[in-house]
């Protein structure tokens, strides 16, 4: 029983460390876009899988949330603005559990 508890504790610690390592070079990016411009914005965004797209209070607008490499942000911000993204927020990540 003690060995089982130690194994679970070690596996939890490993998971948290792996999550912190995975997040070290990445940031979150949140932005708003008119539905008509969504395809253009999505064409600019690299994503871990696919970005999350959520409706806003105005049904013509959506929020896009994704995770990208921090080094890529400087390159794509002008492209996102040109694709008509608004309210762009970059935020740090603590962990990514894959």
PDB file of N, CA and C in Angstrom:
ATOM      1  N   UNK A   1       0.828  -1.199   0.000  1.00  0.00           N
ATOM      2  CA  UNK A   1       0.000   0.000   0.000  1.00  0.00           C
ATOM      3  C   UNK A   1       0.867   1.255   0.000  1.00  0.00           C
ATOM      4  N   UNK A   2       1.960   1.224   0.787  1.00  0.00           N
ATOM      5  CA  UNK A   2       2.849   2.381   0.840  1.00  0.00           C
ATOM      6  C   UNK A   2       3.531   2.589  -0.502  1.00  0.00           C
ATOM      7  N   UNK A   3       3.908   1.472  -1.168  1.00  0.00           N
ATOM      8  CA  UNK A   3       4.558   1.582  -2.479  1.00  0.00           C
ATOM      9  C   UNK A   3       3.596   2.159  -3.516  1.00  0.00           C
ATOM     10  N   UNK A   4       2.353   1.769  -3.454  1.00  0.00           N
ATOM     11  CA  UNK A   4       1.336   2.283  -4.375  1.00  0.00           C
ATOM     12  C   UNK A   4       1.167   3.787  -4.182  1.00  0.00           C
ATOM     13  N   UNK A   5       1.110   4.232  -2.938  1.00  0.00           N
ATOM     14  CA  UNK A   5       0.972   5.652  -2.639  1.00  0.00           C
ATOM     15  C   UNK A   5       2.176   6.427  -3.157  1.00  0.00           C
ATOM     16  N   UNK A   6       3.385   5.865  -2.945  1.00  0.00           N
ATOM     17  CA  UNK A   6       4.611   6.535  -3.416  1.00  0.00           C
ATOM     18  C   UNK A   6       4.630   6.619  -4.941  1.00  0.00           C
ATOM     19  N   UNK A   7       4.199   5.550  -5.595  1.00  0.00           N
ATOM     20  CA  UNK A   7       4.173   5.552  -7.056  1.00  0.00           C
ATOM     21  C   UNK A   7       3.202   6.622  -7.570  1.00  0.00           C
ATOM     22  N   UNK A   8       2.011   6.708  -6.981  1.00  0.00           N
ATOM     23  CA  UNK A   8       1.031   7.710  -7.404  1.00  0.00           C
ATOM     24  C   UNK A   8       1.564   9.122  -7.171  1.00  0.00           C
ATOM     25  N   UNK A   9       2.213   9.337  -6.053  1.00  0.00           N
ATOM     26  CA  UNK A   9       2.782  10.646  -5.737  1.00  0.00           C
ATOM     27  C   UNK A   9       3.877  11.005  -6.749  1.00  0.00           C
ATOM     28  N   UNK A  10       4.739  10.045  -7.077  1.00  0.00           N
ATOM     29  CA  UNK A  10       5.815  10.273  -8.047  1.00  0.00           C
ATOM     30  C   UNK A  10       5.239  10.549  -9.440  1.00  0.00           C
ATOM     31  N   UNK A  11       4.212   9.804  -9.835  1.00  0.00           N
ATOM     32  CA  UNK A  11       3.601  10.012 -11.148  1.00  0.00           C
ATOM     33  C   UNK A  11       2.941  11.387 -11.235  1.00  0.00           C
ATOM     34  N   UNK A  12       2.324  11.820 -10.151  1.00  0.00           N
ATOM     35  CA  UNK A  12       1.720  13.157 -10.122  1.00  0.00           C
ATOM     36  C   UNK A  12       2.787  14.234 -10.251  1.00  0.00           C
ATOM     37  N   UNK A  13       3.886  14.063  -9.554  1.00  0.00           N
ATOM     38  CA  UNK A  13       4.982  15.025  -9.618  1.00  0.00           C
ATOM     39  C   UNK A  13       5.576  15.070 -11.026  1.00  0.00           C
ATOM     40  N   UNK A  14       5.755  13.926 -11.640  1.00  0.00           N
ATOM     41  CA  UNK A  14       6.276  13.857 -13.009  1.00  0.00           C
ATOM     42  C   UNK A  14       5.335  14.570 -13.974  1.00  0.00           C
ATOM     43  N   UNK A  15       4.041  14.342 -13.825  1.00  0.00           N
ATOM     44  CA  UNK A  15       3.049  14.989 -14.692  1.00  0.00           C
ATOM     45  C   UNK A  15       3.130  16.511 -14.572  1.00  0.00           C
ATOM     46  N   UNK A  16       3.242  17.019 -13.346  1.00  0.00           N
ATOM     47  CA  UNK A  16       3.321  18.466 -13.131  1.00  0.00           C
ATOM     48  C   UNK A  16       4.618  19.036 -13.713  1.00  0.00           C
ATOM     49  N   UNK A  17       5.722  18.333 -13.536  1.00  0.00           N
ATOM     50  CA  UNK A  17       6.996  18.799 -14.090  1.00  0.00           C
ATOM     51  C   UNK A  17       6.965  18.795 -15.613  1.00  0.00           C
ATOM     52  N   UNK A  18       6.413  17.748 -16.202  1.00  0.00           N
ATOM     53  CA  UNK A  18       6.303  17.691 -17.661  1.00  0.00           C
ATOM     54  C   UNK A  18       5.418  18.827 -18.170  1.00  0.00           C
ATOM     55  N   UNK A  19       4.351  19.135 -17.454  1.00  0.00           N
ATOM     56  CA  UNK A  19       3.465  20.230 -17.835  1.00  0.00           C
ATOM     57  C   UNK A  19       4.171  21.571 -17.780  1.00  0.00           C
ATOM     58  N   UNK A  20       4.986  21.781 -16.762  1.00  0.00           N
ATOM     59  CA  UNK A  20       5.736  23.036 -16.643  1.00  0.00           C
ATOM     60  C   UNK A  20       6.771  23.152 -17.755  1.00  0.00           C
ATOM     61  N   UNK A  21       7.441  22.061 -18.066  1.00  0.00           N
ATOM     62  CA  UNK A  21       8.439  22.060 -19.147  1.00  0.00           C
ATOM     63  C   UNK A  21       7.761  22.342 -20.483  1.00  0.00           C
ATOM     64  N   UNK A  22       6.614  21.722 -20.734  1.00  0.00           N
ATOM     65  CA  UNK A  22       5.890  21.922 -21.997  1.00  0.00           C
ATOM     66  C   UNK A  22       5.435  23.368 -22.149  1.00  0.00           C
ATOM     67  N   UNK A  23       5.141  24.044 -21.049  1.00  0.00           N
ATOM     68  CA  UNK A  23       4.643  25.419 -21.095  1.00  0.00           C
ATOM     69  C   UNK A  23       5.757  26.453 -21.187  1.00  0.00           C
ATOM     70  N   UNK A  24       6.995  26.047 -20.927  1.00  0.00           N
ATOM     71  CA  UNK A  24       8.090  27.005 -20.803  1.00  0.00           C
ATOM     72  C   UNK A  24       8.284  27.876 -22.035  1.00  0.00           C
ATOM     73  N   UNK A  25       8.096  27.348 -23.224  1.00  0.00           N
ATOM     74  CA  UNK A  25       8.354  28.127 -24.441  1.00  0.00           C
ATOM     75  C   UNK A  25       7.069  28.573 -25.141  1.00  0.00           C
ATOM     76  N   UNK A  26       5.929  28.391 -24.478  1.00  0.00           N
ATOM     77  CA  UNK A  26       4.645  28.694 -25.116  1.00  0.00           C
ATOM     78  C   UNK A  26       3.885  29.770 -24.343  1.00  0.00           C
ATOM     79  N   UNK A  27       2.970  30.431 -25.040  1.00  0.00           N
ATOM     80  CA  UNK A  27       2.083  31.418 -24.423  1.00  0.00           C
ATOM     81  C   UNK A  27       0.671  31.180 -24.934  1.00  0.00           C
ATOM     82  N   UNK A  28      -0.286  31.710 -24.210  1.00  0.00           N
ATOM     83  CA  UNK A  28      -1.662  31.685 -24.672  1.00  0.00           C
ATOM     84  C   UNK A  28      -1.946  32.953 -25.459  1.00  0.00           C
ATOM     85  N   UNK A  29      -2.809  32.837 -26.427  1.00  0.00           N
ATOM     86  CA  UNK A  29      -3.202  33.989 -27.235  1.00  0.00           C
ATOM     87  C   UNK A  29      -4.727  33.989 -27.326  1.00  0.00           C
ATOM     88  N   UNK A  30      -5.323  35.103 -26.952  1.00  0.00           N
ATOM     89  CA  UNK A  30      -6.769  35.265 -26.980  1.00  0.00           C
ATOM     90  C   UNK A  30      -7.072  36.499 -27.825  1.00  0.00           C
ATOM     91  N   UNK A  31      -8.041  36.379 -28.711  1.00  0.00           N
ATOM     92  CA  UNK A  31      -8.388  37.514 -29.565  1.00  0.00           C
ATOM     93  C   UNK A  31      -9.842  37.430 -29.982  1.00  0.00           C
ATOM     94  N   UNK A  32     -10.374  38.562 -30.414  1.00  0.00           N
ATOM     95  CA  UNK A  32     -11.748  38.640 -30.914  1.00  0.00           C
ATOM     96  C   UNK A  32     -11.711  38.864 -32.415  1.00  0.00           C
ATOM     97  N   UNK A  33     -12.681  38.293 -33.103  1.00  0.00           N
ATOM     98  CA  UNK A  33     -12.742  38.459 -34.555  1.00  0.00           C
ATOM     99  C   UNK A  33     -14.192  38.358 -35.019  1.00  0.00           C
ATOM    100  N   UNK A  34     -14.532  39.154 -36.014  1.00  0.00           N
ATOM    101  CA  UNK A  34     -15.846  39.071 -36.648  1.00  0.00           C
ATOM    102  C   UNK A  34     -15.919  37.738 -37.393  1.00  0.00           C
ATOM    103  N   UNK A  35     -17.065  37.098 -37.353  1.00  0.00           N
ATOM    104  CA  UNK A  35     -17.211  35.786 -38.006  1.00  0.00           C
ATOM    105  C   UNK A  35     -16.798  35.814 -39.481  1.00  0.00           C
ATOM    106  N   UNK A  36     -17.057  36.919 -40.169  1.00  0.00           N
ATOM    107  CA  UNK A  36     -16.691  37.026 -41.583  1.00  0.00           C
ATOM    108  C   UNK A  36     -15.177  36.963 -41.801  1.00  0.00           C
ATOM    109  N   UNK A  37     -14.408  37.321 -40.771  1.00  0.00           N
ATOM    110  CA  UNK A  37     -12.947  37.362 -40.884  1.00  0.00           C
ATOM    111  C   UNK A  37     -12.267  36.169 -40.219  1.00  0.00           C
ATOM    112  N   UNK A  38     -13.051  35.237 -39.678  1.00  0.00           N
ATOM    113  CA  UNK A  38     -12.497  34.118 -38.915  1.00  0.00           C
ATOM    114  C   UNK A  38     -11.557  33.242 -39.741  1.00  0.00           C
ATOM    115  N   UNK A  39     -11.919  32.914 -40.953  1.00  0.00           N
ATOM    116  CA  UNK A  39     -11.086  32.039 -41.779  1.00  0.00           C
ATOM    117  C   UNK A  39      -9.700  32.647 -41.981  1.00  0.00           C
ATOM    118  N   UNK A  40      -9.640  33.951 -42.236  1.00  0.00           N
ATOM    119  CA  UNK A  40      -8.360  34.617 -42.421  1.00  0.00           C
ATOM    120  C   UNK A  40      -7.500  34.582 -41.178  1.00  0.00           C
ATOM    121  N   UNK A  41      -8.114  34.808 -40.014  1.00  0.00           N
ATOM    122  CA  UNK A  41      -7.377  34.775 -38.748  1.00  0.00           C
ATOM    123  C   UNK A  41      -6.882  33.363 -38.464  1.00  0.00           C
ATOM    124  N   UNK A  42      -7.736  32.371 -38.669  1.00  0.00           N
ATOM    125  CA  UNK A  42      -7.324  30.986 -38.417  1.00  0.00           C
ATOM    126  C   UNK A  42      -6.178  30.571 -39.336  1.00  0.00           C
ATOM    127  N   UNK A  43      -6.114  31.148 -40.520  1.00  0.00           N
ATOM    128  CA  UNK A  43      -5.028  30.845 -41.443  1.00  0.00           C
ATOM    129  C   UNK A  43      -3.680  31.355 -40.963  1.00  0.00           C
ATOM    130  N   UNK A  44      -3.700  32.347 -40.080  1.00  0.00           N
ATOM    131  CA  UNK A  44      -2.464  32.921 -39.538  1.00  0.00           C
ATOM    132  C   UNK A  44      -1.991  32.141 -38.314  1.00  0.00           C
ATOM    133  N   UNK A  45      -2.912  31.560 -37.566  1.00  0.00           N
ATOM    134  CA  UNK A  45      -2.593  30.952 -36.269  1.00  0.00           C
ATOM    135  C   UNK A  45      -2.064  29.527 -36.366  1.00  0.00           C
ATOM    136  N   UNK A  46      -0.862  29.304 -35.842  1.00  0.00           N
ATOM    137  CA  UNK A  46      -0.471  27.917 -35.590  1.00  0.00           C
ATOM    138  C   UNK A  46      -1.154  27.495 -34.286  1.00  0.00           C
ATOM    139  N   UNK A  47      -1.429  26.241 -34.105  1.00  0.00           N
ATOM    140  CA  UNK A  47      -2.124  25.816 -32.884  1.00  0.00           C
ATOM    141  C   UNK A  47      -1.588  24.474 -32.408  1.00  0.00           C
ATOM    142  N   UNK A  48      -1.721  24.239 -31.105  1.00  0.00           N
ATOM    143  CA  UNK A  48      -1.320  22.968 -30.527  1.00  0.00           C
ATOM    144  C   UNK A  48      -2.136  21.847 -31.159  1.00  0.00           C
ATOM    145  N   UNK A  49      -3.398  22.036 -31.263  1.00  0.00           N
ATOM    146  CA  UNK A  49      -4.305  21.153 -32.016  1.00  0.00           C
ATOM    147  C   UNK A  49      -5.135  22.056 -32.903  1.00  0.00           C
ATOM    148  N   UNK A  50      -6.258  22.472 -32.402  1.00  0.00           N
ATOM    149  CA  UNK A  50      -7.110  23.457 -33.074  1.00  0.00           C
ATOM    150  C   UNK A  50      -7.465  24.508 -32.024  1.00  0.00           C
ATOM    151  N   UNK A  51      -7.588  25.768 -32.428  1.00  0.00           N
ATOM    152  CA  UNK A  51      -7.940  26.789 -31.435  1.00  0.00           C
ATOM    153  C   UNK A  51      -9.373  26.620 -30.934  1.00  0.00           C
ATOM    154  N   UNK A  52      -9.612  27.123 -29.743  1.00  0.00           N
ATOM    155  CA  UNK A  52     -10.964  27.162 -29.191  1.00  0.00           C
ATOM    156  C   UNK A  52     -11.656  28.402 -29.734  1.00  0.00           C
ATOM    157  N   UNK A  53     -12.857  28.236 -30.235  1.00  0.00           N
ATOM    158  CA  UNK A  53     -13.638  29.352 -30.760  1.00  0.00           C
ATOM    159  C   UNK A  53     -14.926  29.422 -29.951  1.00  0.00           C
ATOM    160  N   UNK A  54     -15.130  30.570 -29.301  1.00  0.00           N
ATOM    161  CA  UNK A  54     -16.294  30.754 -28.423  1.00  0.00           C
ATOM    162  C   UNK A  54     -17.130  31.931 -28.893  1.00  0.00           C
ATOM    163  N   UNK A  55     -18.455  31.809 -28.821  1.00  0.00           N
ATOM    164  CA  UNK A  55     -19.311  32.936 -29.204  1.00  0.00           C
ATOM    165  C   UNK A  55     -19.185  34.081 -28.205  1.00  0.00           C
ATOM    166  N   UNK A  56     -19.336  35.294 -28.690  1.00  0.00           N
ATOM    167  CA  UNK A  56     -19.374  36.474 -27.823  1.00  0.00           C
ATOM    168  C   UNK A  56     -20.825  36.950 -27.696  1.00  0.00           C
ATOM    169  N   UNK A  57     -21.057  37.983 -26.884  1.00  0.00           N
ATOM    170  CA  UNK A  57     -22.429  38.470 -26.687  1.00  0.00           C
ATOM    171  C   UNK A  57     -23.029  39.002 -27.986  1.00  0.00           C
ATOM    172  N   UNK A  58     -22.182  39.517 -28.879  1.00  0.00           N
ATOM    173  CA  UNK A  58     -22.625  39.898 -30.216  1.00  0.00           C
ATOM    174  C   UNK A  58     -22.478  38.657 -31.095  1.00  0.00           C
ATOM    175  N   UNK A  59     -23.558  38.097 -31.612  1.00  0.00           N
ATOM    176  CA  UNK A  59     -23.480  36.831 -32.355  1.00  0.00           C
ATOM    177  C   UNK A  59     -22.619  36.907 -33.618  1.00  0.00           C
ATOM    178  N   UNK A  60     -22.273  38.106 -34.053  1.00  0.00           N
ATOM    179  CA  UNK A  60     -21.424  38.246 -35.241  1.00  0.00           C
ATOM    180  C   UNK A  60     -19.935  38.117 -34.915  1.00  0.00           C
ATOM    181  N   UNK A  61     -19.609  38.021 -33.610  1.00  0.00           N
ATOM    182  CA  UNK A  61     -18.210  37.986 -33.171  1.00  0.00           C
ATOM    183  C   UNK A  61     -17.914  36.724 -32.375  1.00  0.00           C
ATOM    184  N   UNK A  62     -16.662  36.277 -32.443  1.00  0.00           N
ATOM    185  CA  UNK A  62     -16.207  35.130 -31.661  1.00  0.00           C
ATOM    186  C   UNK A  62     -14.878  35.460 -30.994  1.00  0.00           C
ATOM    187  N   UNK A  63     -14.580  34.739 -29.931  1.00  0.00           N
ATOM    188  CA  UNK A  63     -13.271  34.796 -29.281  1.00  0.00           C
ATOM    189  C   UNK A  63     -12.496  33.562 -29.713  1.00  0.00           C
ATOM    190  N   UNK A  64     -11.232  33.752 -30.018  1.00  0.00           N
ATOM    191  CA  UNK A  64     -10.358  32.652 -30.416  1.00  0.00           C
ATOM    192  C   UNK A  64      -9.267  32.536 -29.361  1.00  0.00           C
ATOM    193  N   UNK A  65      -9.081  31.342 -28.834  1.00  0.00           N
ATOM    194  CA  UNK A  65      -8.092  31.090 -27.791  1.00  0.00           C
ATOM    195  C   UNK A  65      -7.196  29.952 -28.256  1.00  0.00           C
ATOM    196  N   UNK A  66      -5.872  30.163 -28.208  1.00  0.00           N
ATOM    197  CA  UNK A  66      -4.949  29.134 -28.669  1.00  0.00           C
ATOM    198  C   UNK A  66      -3.641  29.216 -27.896  1.00  0.00           C
ATOM    199  N   UNK A  67      -2.803  28.219 -28.082  1.00  0.00           N
ATOM    200  CA  UNK A  67      -1.483  28.162 -27.468  1.00  0.00           C
ATOM    201  C   UNK A  67      -0.462  28.109 -28.593  1.00  0.00           C
ATOM    202  N   UNK A  68       0.542  28.990 -28.511  1.00  0.00           N
ATOM    203  CA  UNK A  68       1.566  29.024 -29.561  1.00  0.00           C
ATOM    204  C   UNK A  68       2.948  29.204 -28.948  1.00  0.00           C
ATOM    205  N   UNK A  69       3.952  28.977 -29.752  1.00  0.00           N
ATOM    206  CA  UNK A  69       5.326  29.227 -29.325  1.00  0.00           C
ATOM    207  C   UNK A  69       5.508  30.726 -29.103  1.00  0.00           C
ATOM    208  N   UNK A  70       6.125  31.088 -27.994  1.00  0.00           N
ATOM    209  CA  UNK A  70       6.323  32.501 -27.670  1.00  0.00           C
ATOM    210  C   UNK A  70       7.103  33.227 -28.772  1.00  0.00           C
ATOM    211  N   UNK A  71       8.067  32.559 -29.367  1.00  0.00           N
ATOM    212  CA  UNK A  71       8.889  33.180 -30.410  1.00  0.00           C
ATOM    213  C   UNK A  71       8.077  33.538 -31.653  1.00  0.00           C
ATOM    214  N   UNK A  72       6.945  32.877 -31.849  1.00  0.00           N
ATOM    215  CA  UNK A  72       6.123  33.100 -33.035  1.00  0.00           C
ATOM    216  C   UNK A  72       5.239  34.351 -32.890  1.00  0.00           C
ATOM    217  N   UNK A  73       4.951  34.744 -31.655  1.00  0.00           N
ATOM    218  CA  UNK A  73       4.001  35.832 -31.417  1.00  0.00           C
ATOM    219  C   UNK A  73       4.419  37.105 -32.152  1.00  0.00           C
ATOM    220  N   UNK A  74       5.680  37.490 -32.044  1.00  0.00           N
ATOM    221  CA  UNK A  74       6.140  38.730 -32.689  1.00  0.00           C
ATOM    222  C   UNK A  74       5.932  38.692 -34.192  1.00  0.00           C
ATOM    223  N   UNK A  75       6.068  37.510 -34.768  1.00  0.00           N
ATOM    224  CA  UNK A  75       5.926  37.371 -36.218  1.00  0.00           C
ATOM    225  C   UNK A  75       4.468  37.455 -36.663  1.00  0.00           C
ATOM    226  N   UNK A  76       3.560  36.914 -35.849  1.00  0.00           N
ATOM    227  CA  UNK A  76       2.175  36.827 -36.323  1.00  0.00           C
ATOM    228  C   UNK A  76       1.267  37.964 -35.864  1.00  0.00           C
ATOM    229  N   UNK A  77       1.672  38.750 -34.861  1.00  0.00           N
ATOM    230  CA  UNK A  77       0.797  39.840 -34.403  1.00  0.00           C
ATOM    231  C   UNK A  77       0.432  40.795 -35.537  1.00  0.00           C
ATOM    232  N   UNK A  78       1.382  41.270 -36.335  1.00  0.00           N
ATOM    233  CA  UNK A  78       0.985  42.148 -37.446  1.00  0.00           C
ATOM    234  C   UNK A  78       0.059  41.447 -38.440  1.00  0.00           C
ATOM    235  N   UNK A  79       0.273  40.159 -38.658  1.00  0.00           N
ATOM    236  CA  UNK A  79      -0.576  39.394 -39.577  1.00  0.00           C
ATOM    237  C   UNK A  79      -1.983  39.232 -39.005  1.00  0.00           C
ATOM    238  N   UNK A  80      -2.086  39.046 -37.686  1.00  0.00           N
ATOM    239  CA  UNK A  80      -3.407  38.933 -37.051  1.00  0.00           C
ATOM    240  C   UNK A  80      -4.172  40.244 -37.165  1.00  0.00           C
ATOM    241  N   UNK A  81      -3.475  41.368 -36.930  1.00  0.00           N
ATOM    242  CA  UNK A  81      -4.130  42.673 -37.078  1.00  0.00           C
ATOM    243  C   UNK A  81      -4.575  42.886 -38.521  1.00  0.00           C
ATOM    244  N   UNK A  82      -3.735  42.500 -39.479  1.00  0.00           N
ATOM    245  CA  UNK A  82      -4.078  42.652 -40.896  1.00  0.00           C
ATOM    246  C   UNK A  82      -5.274  41.777 -41.264  1.00  0.00           C
ATOM    247  N   UNK A  83      -5.431  40.637 -40.558  1.00  0.00           N
ATOM    248  CA  UNK A  83      -6.566  39.738 -40.793  1.00  0.00           C
ATOM    249  C   UNK A  83      -7.805  40.192 -40.017  1.00  0.00           C
ATOM    250  N   UNK A  84      -7.703  41.351 -39.354  1.00  0.00           N
ATOM    251  CA  UNK A  84      -8.813  42.005 -38.647  1.00  0.00           C
ATOM    252  C   UNK A  84      -9.117  41.436 -37.264  1.00  0.00           C
ATOM    253  N   UNK A  85      -8.116  40.808 -36.627  1.00  0.00           N
ATOM    254  CA  UNK A  85      -8.275  40.398 -35.230  1.00  0.00           C
ATOM    255  C   UNK A  85      -8.230  41.641 -34.350  1.00  0.00           C
ATOM    256  N   UNK A  86      -8.982  41.616 -33.256  1.00  0.00           N
ATOM    257  CA  UNK A  86      -9.029  42.747 -32.323  1.00  0.00           C
ATOM    258  C   UNK A  86      -8.874  42.247 -30.892  1.00  0.00           C
ATOM    259  N   UNK A  87      -8.512  43.149 -29.987  1.00  0.00           N
ATOM    260  CA  UNK A  87      -8.428  42.801 -28.569  1.00  0.00           C
ATOM    261  C   UNK A  87      -7.494  41.630 -28.318  1.00  0.00           C
ATOM    262  N   UNK A  88      -6.340  41.642 -28.925  1.00  0.00           N
ATOM    263  CA  UNK A  88      -5.400  40.518 -28.827  1.00  0.00           C
ATOM    264  C   UNK A  88      -4.707  40.555 -27.467  1.00  0.00           C
ATOM    265  N   UNK A  89      -4.765  39.441 -26.747  1.00  0.00           N
ATOM    266  CA  UNK A  89      -4.144  39.326 -25.430  1.00  0.00           C
ATOM    267  C   UNK A  89      -3.187  38.138 -25.448  1.00  0.00           C
ATOM    268  N   UNK A  90      -1.941  38.385 -25.068  1.00  0.00           N
ATOM    269  CA  UNK A  90      -0.958  37.308 -24.888  1.00  0.00           C
ATOM    270  C   UNK A  90      -0.827  37.079 -23.386  1.00  0.00           C
ATOM    271  N   UNK A  91      -0.870  35.825 -22.950  1.00  0.00           N
ATOM    272  CA  UNK A  91      -0.763  35.538 -21.526  1.00  0.00           C
ATOM    273  C   UNK A  91       0.177  34.362 -21.270  1.00  0.00           C
ATOM    274  N   UNK A  92       0.874  34.387 -20.129  1.00  0.00           N
ATOM    275  CA  UNK A  92       1.822  33.306 -19.811  1.00  0.00           C
ATOM    276  C   UNK A  92       1.089  32.033 -19.396  1.00  0.00           C
ATOM    277  N   UNK A  93       1.753  30.921 -19.559  1.00  0.00           N
ATOM    278  CA  UNK A  93       1.207  29.622 -19.162  1.00  0.00           C
ATOM    279  C   UNK A  93       2.046  29.050 -18.023  1.00  0.00           C
ATOM    280  N   UNK A  94       1.397  28.382 -17.093  1.00  0.00           N
ATOM    281  CA  UNK A  94       2.119  27.713 -16.011  1.00  0.00           C
ATOM    282  C   UNK A  94       2.393  26.249 -16.349  1.00  0.00           C
ATOM    283  N   UNK A  95       1.391  25.598 -16.919  1.00  0.00           N
ATOM    284  CA  UNK A  95       1.514  24.172 -17.234  1.00  0.00           C
ATOM    285  C   UNK A  95       0.671  23.854 -18.461  1.00  0.00           C
ATOM    286  N   UNK A  96       1.147  22.866 -19.218  1.00  0.00           N
ATOM    287  CA  UNK A  96       0.355  22.283 -20.296  1.00  0.00           C
ATOM    288  C   UNK A  96       0.413  20.778 -20.079  1.00  0.00           C
ATOM    289  N   UNK A  97      -0.712  20.165 -19.805  1.00  0.00           N
ATOM    290  CA  UNK A  97      -0.777  18.724 -19.582  1.00  0.00           C
ATOM    291  C   UNK A  97      -1.358  18.101 -20.851  1.00  0.00           C
ATOM    292  N   UNK A  98      -0.517  17.351 -21.548  1.00  0.00           N
ATOM    293  CA  UNK A  98      -0.928  16.747 -22.822  1.00  0.00           C
ATOM    294  C   UNK A  98      -1.485  15.360 -22.623  1.00  0.00           C
TER     295      UNK A  98
END
